Amino acid sequence: MENKQLKEQIAFDYRGQLSSRPANEHNLSGGRVTGATGRVRGEEQSTANNKARRRIVTMPHEVVQPTPWADRQAHKRRAHAEPHARVRVVKRTLAHTGMPASEGQMRLVRPLPRQHIAVQVPVRSGRQNVRRGRFWRRLLTLFALLVIATLGGSFALTSPNFRVQQVDIVGTQNSTLVDNIQNMGIQGQNIFLLDVAALTSRIEALPMVASVNIGKQLPDQLIVNVVERTPVLLWQTQQGTFSVDSQGVVIAPASDSSSTDNLMTVVDARAGVAQQVYPGALLNKADIAFAMQVFARLPQLTGLSTFTLRYDVVPRQGGHKTFIVASSDGWLAYLGDVDDSNPLDNRLIELQQILSLAQQKQLKLATIDLRFGLRPVYTLKP
């Protein structure tokens, strides 16, 4: 294949036209060119014109890419954003005035600050109509939402579908407690208007309940999770026997309490105390703990397994309350209470020593008083 040059790279050849001109053509000065002399002059003129009009293409040593349009726009914005130089007051110098000056100041000349003239573009009338249309659409949407919310709230508050029909009590098998909760008038109330906090307080006020958690399950179900109080003692009075927890709360009659078969009983022999012990009443927490300690330590230290623990007031001691151990042999041991300075273990050890002494000497004990510290007192039967 032969190499072909692009059209824009082919220089115009004036030699052919100059040589093809007729001999009698006028020259530039208006004369005629004839013979060999004309041909020579034509060739020289064509060569000169060819050299003068020849296209010369050069390539640079390094190709420099032009600055992108985004960079130029950023440069313009930075130039506009740059703060103008503030007016500075400097001392006169020889360079400024042409002659030395001992004092005085001169103001540097600076260009006037550029003022940005806000161009107010008139708003088209069509945009105003669009804005008015948006306002009315928003207003109608808001009104529709209010109507829907009102109708929905009215339906939820008045519809029988959202009234409590079922109350599930979890965490207890006590039929008495279940009946008390079921009879609180929960059924038939609107599930949204039901005051859970007030209902929780009412259920926790029951002596059998330690804590309660209430949950709603739409549309008409209520779940009551109950934690019962755990009885630790039985407290016997003239009115009956009641279960008591570790905090001293009288839970319920022993017949209505669960898990009371293996509990020990304290017989309260105080006069007029029957009206003070009832379900929901609060006994002394320290007395409950002391009685439980007596039941646990007395068999270990004295070997006495069959006895009755009483709680009474001794008139001779200024109405001081005391726990009394009544044995099957007929003697009574006054232990005092939790306020005595002598520890309970010391009192029980003293009791064990007196019982050993009575067994060795064949003594018939009537009373043993351990409330006087290291000076226990015992009496014998006649």
Protein backbone atom coordinates (compact mmCIF):
# COMPACT_ATOMS: atom_id res chain seq x y z
CA MET A 1 0.00 0.00 0.00
CA GLU A 2 1.23 3.43 -0.77
CA ASN A 3 1.43 6.01 1.93
CA LYS A 4 -1.27 8.60 1.64
CA GLN A 5 -1.12 11.95 3.30
CA LEU A 6 -4.12 13.53 4.89
CA LYS A 7 -5.65 16.39 3.00
CA GLU A 8 -4.97 18.96 5.69
CA GLN A 9 -1.24 18.09 5.62
CA ILE A 10 -0.72 18.62 1.88
CA ALA A 11 0.69 22.05 1.16
CA PHE A 12 -0.56 23.95 -1.89
CA ASP A 13 1.84 23.65 -4.83
CA TYR A 14 2.23 26.90 -6.64
CA ARG A 15 4.96 25.67 -8.98
CA GLY A 16 2.67 23.85 -11.27
CA GLN A 17 0.42 26.87 -11.75
CA LEU A 18 3.35 29.24 -12.22
CA SER A 19 4.93 26.97 -14.80
CA SER A 20 1.63 26.44 -16.56
CA ARG A 21 0.97 30.13 -16.93
CA PRO A 22 1.28 31.41 -20.53
CA ALA A 23 4.40 33.27 -21.44
CA ASN A 24 2.57 36.37 -22.38
CA GLU A 25 0.94 36.71 -18.85
CA HIS A 26 1.64 39.97 -17.16
CA ASN A 27 3.89 39.88 -14.13
CA LEU A 28 3.20 41.58 -10.86
CA SER A 29 4.82 44.80 -12.02
CA GLY A 30 2.63 44.95 -15.11
CA GLY A 31 5.31 43.81 -17.71
CA ARG A 32 5.46 40.69 -19.87
CA VAL A 33 7.83 37.72 -19.32
CA THR A 34 9.04 36.05 -22.50
CA GLY A 35 11.50 33.37 -23.50
CA ALA A 36 14.04 31.68 -21.24
CA THR A 37 14.34 34.68 -19.05
CA GLY A 38 10.65 34.48 -18.20
CA ARG A 39 10.85 30.83 -17.39
CA VAL A 40 13.81 31.35 -15.05
CA ARG A 41 12.07 34.19 -13.29
CA GLY A 42 8.91 32.11 -12.97
CA GLU A 43 10.78 29.23 -11.41
CA GLU A 44 12.57 31.49 -8.93
CA GLN A 45 9.34 33.19 -7.97
CA SER A 46 7.57 29.83 -7.56
CA THR A 47 10.40 28.51 -5.34
CA ALA A 48 10.29 31.61 -3.14
CA ASN A 49 6.53 31.45 -2.83
CA ASN A 50 6.69 27.75 -2.00
CA LYS A 51 9.20 28.36 0.79
CA ALA A 52 7.19 31.27 2.16
CA ARG A 53 3.83 29.41 2.18
CA ARG A 54 5.07 25.99 3.28
CA ARG A 55 3.26 24.69 6.42
CA ILE A 56 5.64 23.73 9.20
CA VAL A 57 4.28 21.51 12.01
CA THR A 58 6.29 21.18 15.25
CA MET A 59 5.65 19.08 18.33
CA PRO A 60 6.40 20.42 21.83
CA HIS A 61 8.87 18.56 24.03
CA GLU A 62 6.29 18.24 26.88
CA VAL A 63 2.54 17.99 26.50
CA VAL A 64 0.76 20.15 29.09
CA GLN A 65 -2.84 19.34 29.72
CA PRO A 66 -5.17 22.34 30.04
CA THR A 67 -6.66 23.17 33.45
CA PRO A 68 -10.05 21.47 33.93
CA TRP A 69 -13.14 23.63 33.97
CA ALA A 70 -14.01 22.67 37.59
CA ASP A 71 -10.55 23.78 38.80
CA ARG A 72 -10.92 27.12 37.05
CA GLN A 73 -14.33 27.70 38.65
CA ALA A 74 -12.96 26.78 42.09
CA HIS A 75 -10.07 29.21 41.58
CA LYS A 76 -12.54 31.99 40.74
CA ARG A 77 -14.63 31.25 43.83
CA ARG A 78 -11.57 31.31 46.07
CA ALA A 79 -10.52 34.63 44.55
CA HIS A 80 -13.94 36.14 45.33
CA ALA A 81 -14.02 34.65 48.82
CA GLU A 82 -10.60 35.93 49.85
CA PRO A 83 -10.92 38.95 52.14
CA HIS A 84 -9.50 42.18 50.86
CA ALA A 85 -6.47 43.64 52.48
CA ARG A 86 -7.29 45.89 55.36
CA VAL A 87 -6.05 49.46 55.57
CA ARG A 88 -2.77 49.52 57.33
CA VAL A 89 -1.22 52.66 58.79
CA VAL A 90 2.57 52.68 58.54
CA LYS A 91 5.26 55.17 59.24
CA ARG A 92 6.50 57.43 56.48
CA THR A 93 9.74 56.31 54.94
CA LEU A 94 12.19 57.76 52.48
CA ALA A 95 10.88 55.46 49.77
CA HIS A 96 7.37 56.85 50.12
CA THR A 97 8.07 60.58 50.42
CA GLY A 98 11.47 61.02 48.84
CA MET A 99 12.77 62.73 51.93
CA PRO A 100 13.26 61.56 55.51
CA ALA A 101 10.56 62.37 58.05
CA SER A 102 11.02 62.29 61.80
CA GLU A 103 7.38 61.57 62.60
CA GLY A 104 3.95 61.16 61.04
CA GLN A 105 2.06 58.36 59.41
CA MET A 106 0.62 57.78 55.97
CA ARG A 107 -2.30 55.69 54.76
CA LEU A 108 -1.69 53.01 52.20
CA VAL A 109 -3.84 53.33 49.12
CA ARG A 110 -6.02 50.33 48.51
CA PRO A 111 -8.84 49.63 46.08
CA LEU A 112 -12.44 50.07 47.10
CA PRO A 113 -14.11 46.95 48.46
CA ARG A 114 -16.14 44.96 46.05
CA GLN A 115 -19.83 45.31 46.70
CA HIS A 116 -22.15 42.47 45.91
CA ILE A 117 -25.35 43.83 44.42
CA ALA A 118 -28.24 41.50 45.04
CA VAL A 119 -30.14 40.92 41.87
CA GLN A 120 -33.81 40.45 42.50
CA VAL A 121 -35.28 38.09 40.01
CA PRO A 122 -39.04 38.47 39.68
CA VAL A 123 -41.04 35.42 40.70
CA ARG A 124 -43.17 33.93 38.01
CA SER A 125 -46.86 33.90 38.55
CA GLY A 126 -47.01 30.16 37.98
CA ARG A 127 -44.85 29.46 41.03
CA GLN A 128 -47.23 31.39 43.28
CA ASN A 129 -50.08 29.21 42.11
CA VAL A 130 -48.01 26.08 42.77
CA ARG A 131 -47.25 27.24 46.31
CA ARG A 132 -50.92 27.94 46.97
CA GLY A 133 -51.80 24.49 45.70
CA ARG A 134 -49.25 22.86 48.00
CA PHE A 135 -50.58 24.75 51.02
CA TRP A 136 -54.15 23.58 50.42
CA ARG A 137 -53.02 20.00 49.81
CA ARG A 138 -51.11 19.98 53.09
CA LEU A 139 -54.05 21.50 54.94
CA LEU A 140 -56.44 18.88 53.56
CA THR A 141 -53.99 16.08 54.40
CA LEU A 142 -53.69 17.30 57.97
CA PHE A 143 -57.45 17.54 58.33
CA ALA A 144 -57.87 14.00 56.97
CA LEU A 145 -55.30 12.65 59.44
CA LEU A 146 -57.10 14.35 62.32
CA VAL A 147 -60.42 12.84 61.27
CA ILE A 148 -58.87 9.36 60.97
CA ALA A 149 -57.18 9.66 64.37
CA THR A 150 -60.41 10.81 66.01
CA LEU A 151 -62.45 7.98 64.54
CA GLY A 152 -59.77 5.42 65.42
CA GLY A 153 -59.50 6.63 69.01
CA SER A 154 -63.27 6.63 69.44
CA PHE A 155 -63.49 3.08 68.10
CA ALA A 156 -60.67 1.87 70.39
CA LEU A 157 -62.21 3.43 73.50
CA THR A 158 -65.84 2.45 72.92
CA SER A 159 -65.68 -0.85 71.05
CA PRO A 160 -66.52 -3.99 73.09
CA ASN A 161 -63.69 -5.79 71.29
CA PHE A 162 -61.14 -3.97 73.47
CA ARG A 163 -62.73 -4.76 76.84
CA VAL A 164 -60.91 -7.17 79.16
CA GLN A 165 -62.54 -10.58 78.91
CA GLN A 166 -59.79 -12.89 80.20
CA VAL A 167 -57.41 -12.50 83.17
CA ASP A 168 -54.59 -15.06 83.29
CA ILE A 169 -52.87 -15.36 86.70
CA VAL A 170 -49.38 -16.87 86.52
CA GLY A 171 -46.99 -17.84 89.31
CA THR A 172 -49.39 -19.18 91.95
CA GLN A 173 -51.64 -22.14 92.50
CA ASN A 174 -53.30 -20.71 95.61
CA SER A 175 -57.01 -20.70 94.92
CA THR A 176 -57.68 -18.04 97.57
CA LEU A 177 -55.22 -15.64 95.98
CA VAL A 178 -56.55 -16.34 92.48
CA ASP A 179 -60.12 -15.65 93.60
CA ASN A 180 -59.08 -12.38 95.27
CA ILE A 181 -57.47 -11.12 92.06
CA GLN A 182 -60.33 -12.30 89.85
CA ASN A 183 -62.86 -10.44 92.01
CA MET A 184 -61.18 -7.04 91.69
CA GLY A 185 -63.50 -5.97 88.88
CA ILE A 186 -60.92 -6.15 86.08
CA GLN A 187 -63.20 -7.82 83.55
CA GLY A 188 -65.20 -5.45 81.39
CA GLN A 189 -62.79 -2.51 81.61
CA ASN A 190 -61.32 -0.98 78.48
CA ILE A 191 -57.83 -2.37 78.00
CA PHE A 192 -56.46 1.01 76.92
CA LEU A 193 -58.00 2.90 79.85
CA LEU A 194 -57.00 0.30 82.45
CA ASP A 195 -54.68 1.88 85.06
CA VAL A 196 -51.90 -0.69 85.38
CA ALA A 197 -50.09 1.19 88.16
CA ALA A 198 -53.17 1.41 90.37
CA LEU A 199 -54.04 -2.24 89.74
CA THR A 200 -50.48 -3.27 90.61
CA SER A 201 -50.70 -1.41 93.90
CA ARG A 202 -53.99 -3.09 94.76
CA ILE A 203 -52.62 -6.58 94.09
CA GLU A 204 -49.38 -5.91 95.98
CA ALA A 205 -51.47 -4.82 98.97
CA LEU A 206 -52.68 -8.42 99.32
CA PRO A 207 -50.78 -10.10 102.20
CA MET A 208 -49.96 -13.16 100.10
CA VAL A 209 -48.29 -11.19 97.29
CA ALA A 210 -44.63 -10.15 97.41
CA SER A 211 -44.53 -8.59 93.93
CA VAL A 212 -46.60 -8.52 90.75
CA ASN A 213 -46.10 -7.70 87.09
CA ILE A 214 -49.08 -6.95 84.80
CA GLY A 215 -48.99 -7.10 81.02
CA LYS A 216 -51.62 -6.34 78.36
CA GLN A 217 -52.23 -8.56 75.38
CA LEU A 218 -54.52 -7.08 72.76
CA PRO A 219 -57.35 -7.10 72.18
CA ASP A 220 -58.94 -8.35 75.46
CA GLN A 221 -56.46 -10.32 77.57
CA LEU A 222 -54.57 -9.38 80.77
CA ILE A 223 -51.64 -11.38 82.16
CA VAL A 224 -50.89 -11.08 85.91
CA ASN A 225 -47.55 -12.55 86.99
CA VAL A 226 -47.58 -12.99 90.79
CA VAL A 227 -44.72 -13.79 93.20
CA GLU A 228 -46.06 -15.14 96.51
CA ARG A 229 -44.60 -14.51 99.94
CA THR A 230 -42.71 -17.48 101.39
CA PRO A 231 -43.75 -18.41 104.97
CA VAL A 232 -40.95 -19.26 107.42
CA LEU A 233 -42.88 -19.59 110.70
CA LEU A 234 -46.34 -20.23 112.06
CA TRP A 235 -47.58 -17.72 114.65
CA GLN A 236 -50.33 -19.05 116.93
CA THR A 237 -52.75 -16.82 118.85
CA GLN A 238 -56.15 -17.28 120.42
CA GLN A 239 -57.74 -16.36 117.10
CA GLY A 240 -55.86 -19.02 115.15
CA THR A 241 -52.54 -19.87 113.53
CA PHE A 242 -51.10 -17.69 110.78
CA SER A 243 -48.15 -18.02 108.43
CA VAL A 244 -45.43 -15.36 108.68
CA ASP A 245 -42.60 -14.52 106.25
CA SER A 246 -39.05 -13.43 107.08
CA GLN A 247 -40.02 -9.75 107.02
CA GLY A 248 -42.62 -10.24 109.74
CA VAL A 249 -45.66 -9.93 107.44
CA VAL A 250 -48.60 -12.06 108.51
CA ILE A 251 -49.52 -13.79 105.27
CA ALA A 252 -52.71 -15.75 105.81
CA PRO A 253 -54.26 -18.42 108.04
CA ALA A 254 -52.25 -21.61 108.03
CA SER A 255 -55.10 -23.47 106.35
CA ASP A 256 -54.98 -21.08 103.37
CA SER A 257 -51.19 -21.07 103.09
CA SER A 258 -49.10 -23.46 101.06
CA SER A 259 -45.89 -25.26 102.12
CA THR A 260 -46.54 -24.96 105.87
CA ASP A 261 -46.34 -28.62 106.89
CA ASN A 262 -42.71 -28.50 108.04
CA LEU A 263 -42.79 -25.06 109.70
CA MET A 264 -42.23 -24.52 113.43
CA THR A 265 -44.84 -22.77 115.55
CA VAL A 266 -44.46 -19.91 118.01
CA VAL A 267 -47.24 -19.66 120.57
CA ASP A 268 -48.02 -16.05 121.35
CA ALA A 269 -49.40 -16.04 124.92
CA ARG A 270 -49.60 -12.29 125.38
CA ALA A 271 -52.92 -10.95 126.58
CA GLY A 272 -54.91 -8.98 124.02
CA VAL A 273 -52.52 -9.76 121.18
CA ALA A 274 -55.10 -11.71 119.22
CA GLN A 275 -56.57 -8.54 117.74
CA GLN A 276 -53.11 -7.41 116.61
CA VAL A 277 -52.26 -10.51 114.57
CA TYR A 278 -54.24 -10.81 111.32
CA PRO A 279 -53.43 -11.20 107.62
CA GLY A 280 -51.53 -8.13 106.52
CA ALA A 281 -50.28 -7.20 110.02
CA LEU A 282 -46.57 -6.62 110.57
CA LEU A 283 -44.67 -8.32 113.40
CA ASN A 284 -41.18 -7.47 114.60
CA LYS A 285 -38.70 -8.69 112.03
CA ALA A 286 -36.02 -9.21 114.70
CA ASP A 287 -38.32 -11.44 116.76
CA ILE A 288 -38.98 -13.64 113.73
CA ALA A 289 -35.24 -14.01 113.11
CA PHE A 290 -34.58 -14.77 116.82
CA ALA A 291 -37.29 -17.45 116.92
CA MET A 292 -35.89 -19.13 113.80
CA GLN A 293 -32.43 -19.12 115.40
CA VAL A 294 -33.80 -20.77 118.56
CA PHE A 295 -35.44 -23.54 116.53
CA ALA A 296 -32.18 -24.15 114.69
CA ARG A 297 -29.65 -23.97 117.58
CA LEU A 298 -31.51 -25.43 120.57
CA PRO A 299 -31.52 -29.07 119.37
CA GLN A 300 -27.86 -28.82 118.36
CA LEU A 301 -26.53 -27.42 121.67
CA THR A 302 -28.82 -29.09 124.21
CA GLY A 303 -30.04 -32.20 122.41
CA LEU A 304 -33.60 -31.20 123.20
CA SER A 305 -35.86 -32.02 120.27
CA THR A 306 -39.36 -31.91 121.77
CA PHE A 307 -40.33 -28.53 123.12
CA THR A 308 -42.70 -25.59 122.60
CA LEU A 309 -41.53 -22.05 122.02
CA ARG A 310 -43.74 -19.40 123.59
CA TYR A 311 -43.69 -15.63 123.37
CA ASP A 312 -44.98 -13.85 126.45
CA VAL A 313 -44.57 -10.89 128.80
CA VAL A 314 -43.14 -11.35 132.30
CA PRO A 315 -44.97 -8.97 134.70
CA ARG A 316 -42.27 -9.10 137.35
CA GLN A 317 -39.69 -7.74 134.93
CA GLY A 318 -41.59 -4.57 134.06
CA GLY A 319 -43.46 -6.07 131.14
CA HIS A 320 -40.32 -7.30 129.40
CA LYS A 321 -41.02 -9.59 126.43
CA THR A 322 -39.30 -12.94 126.38
CA PHE A 323 -39.23 -16.24 124.54
CA ILE A 324 -39.95 -19.25 126.76
CA VAL A 325 -38.93 -22.85 126.05
CA ALA A 326 -41.52 -25.28 127.51
CA SER A 327 -40.21 -28.84 127.65
CA SER A 328 -42.19 -32.06 127.81
CA ASP A 329 -40.73 -32.66 131.32
CA GLY A 330 -42.62 -29.66 132.67
CA TRP A 331 -39.86 -27.07 133.18
CA LEU A 332 -39.74 -23.60 131.60
CA ALA A 333 -36.60 -21.79 130.35
CA TYR A 334 -36.75 -18.03 129.96
CA LEU A 335 -34.44 -17.10 127.05
CA GLY A 336 -35.15 -13.37 126.82
CA ASP A 337 -35.24 -11.78 123.39
CA VAL A 338 -33.00 -10.26 120.76
CA ASP A 339 -32.27 -7.14 122.86
CA ASP A 340 -30.34 -9.02 125.54
CA SER A 341 -26.60 -8.42 125.57
CA ASN A 342 -25.74 -12.07 126.19
CA PRO A 343 -25.56 -13.96 122.86
CA LEU A 344 -28.08 -16.71 122.27
CA ASP A 345 -25.45 -19.44 121.97
CA ASN A 346 -24.12 -18.58 125.45
CA ARG A 347 -27.60 -18.79 126.91
CA LEU A 348 -28.20 -22.16 125.27
CA ILE A 349 -24.85 -23.49 126.54
CA GLU A 350 -25.79 -22.43 130.07
CA LEU A 351 -29.12 -24.21 129.63
CA GLN A 352 -27.34 -27.39 128.58
CA GLN A 353 -25.04 -27.27 131.62
CA ILE A 354 -27.97 -26.80 134.02
CA LEU A 355 -29.81 -29.73 132.42
CA SER A 356 -26.72 -31.91 132.80
CA LEU A 357 -26.36 -30.90 136.46
CA ALA A 358 -30.03 -31.66 137.14
CA GLN A 359 -29.70 -35.06 135.50
CA GLN A 360 -26.63 -35.92 137.56
CA LYS A 361 -28.22 -34.86 140.89
CA GLN A 362 -31.70 -36.10 140.04
CA LEU A 363 -33.19 -32.63 140.37
CA LYS A 364 -36.70 -31.73 139.28
CA LEU A 365 -36.43 -28.38 137.55
CA ALA A 366 -39.31 -25.95 137.59
CA THR A 367 -37.89 -22.83 135.90
CA ILE A 368 -34.56 -21.76 134.40
CA ASP A 369 -33.95 -18.04 133.90
CA LEU A 370 -31.15 -17.24 131.42
CA ARG A 371 -31.81 -13.51 131.15
CA PHE A 372 -29.15 -12.38 133.62
CA GLY A 373 -25.97 -12.86 131.64
CA LEU A 374 -23.46 -15.15 133.33
CA ARG A 375 -25.70 -15.65 136.40
CA PRO A 376 -28.43 -18.07 135.39
CA VAL A 377 -31.07 -18.92 137.99
CA TYR A 378 -33.11 -22.11 138.28
CA THR A 379 -35.86 -23.25 140.62
CA LEU A 380 -36.93 -26.73 141.67
CA LYS A 381 -40.33 -28.26 141.99
CA PRO A 382 -41.55 -28.90 145.55
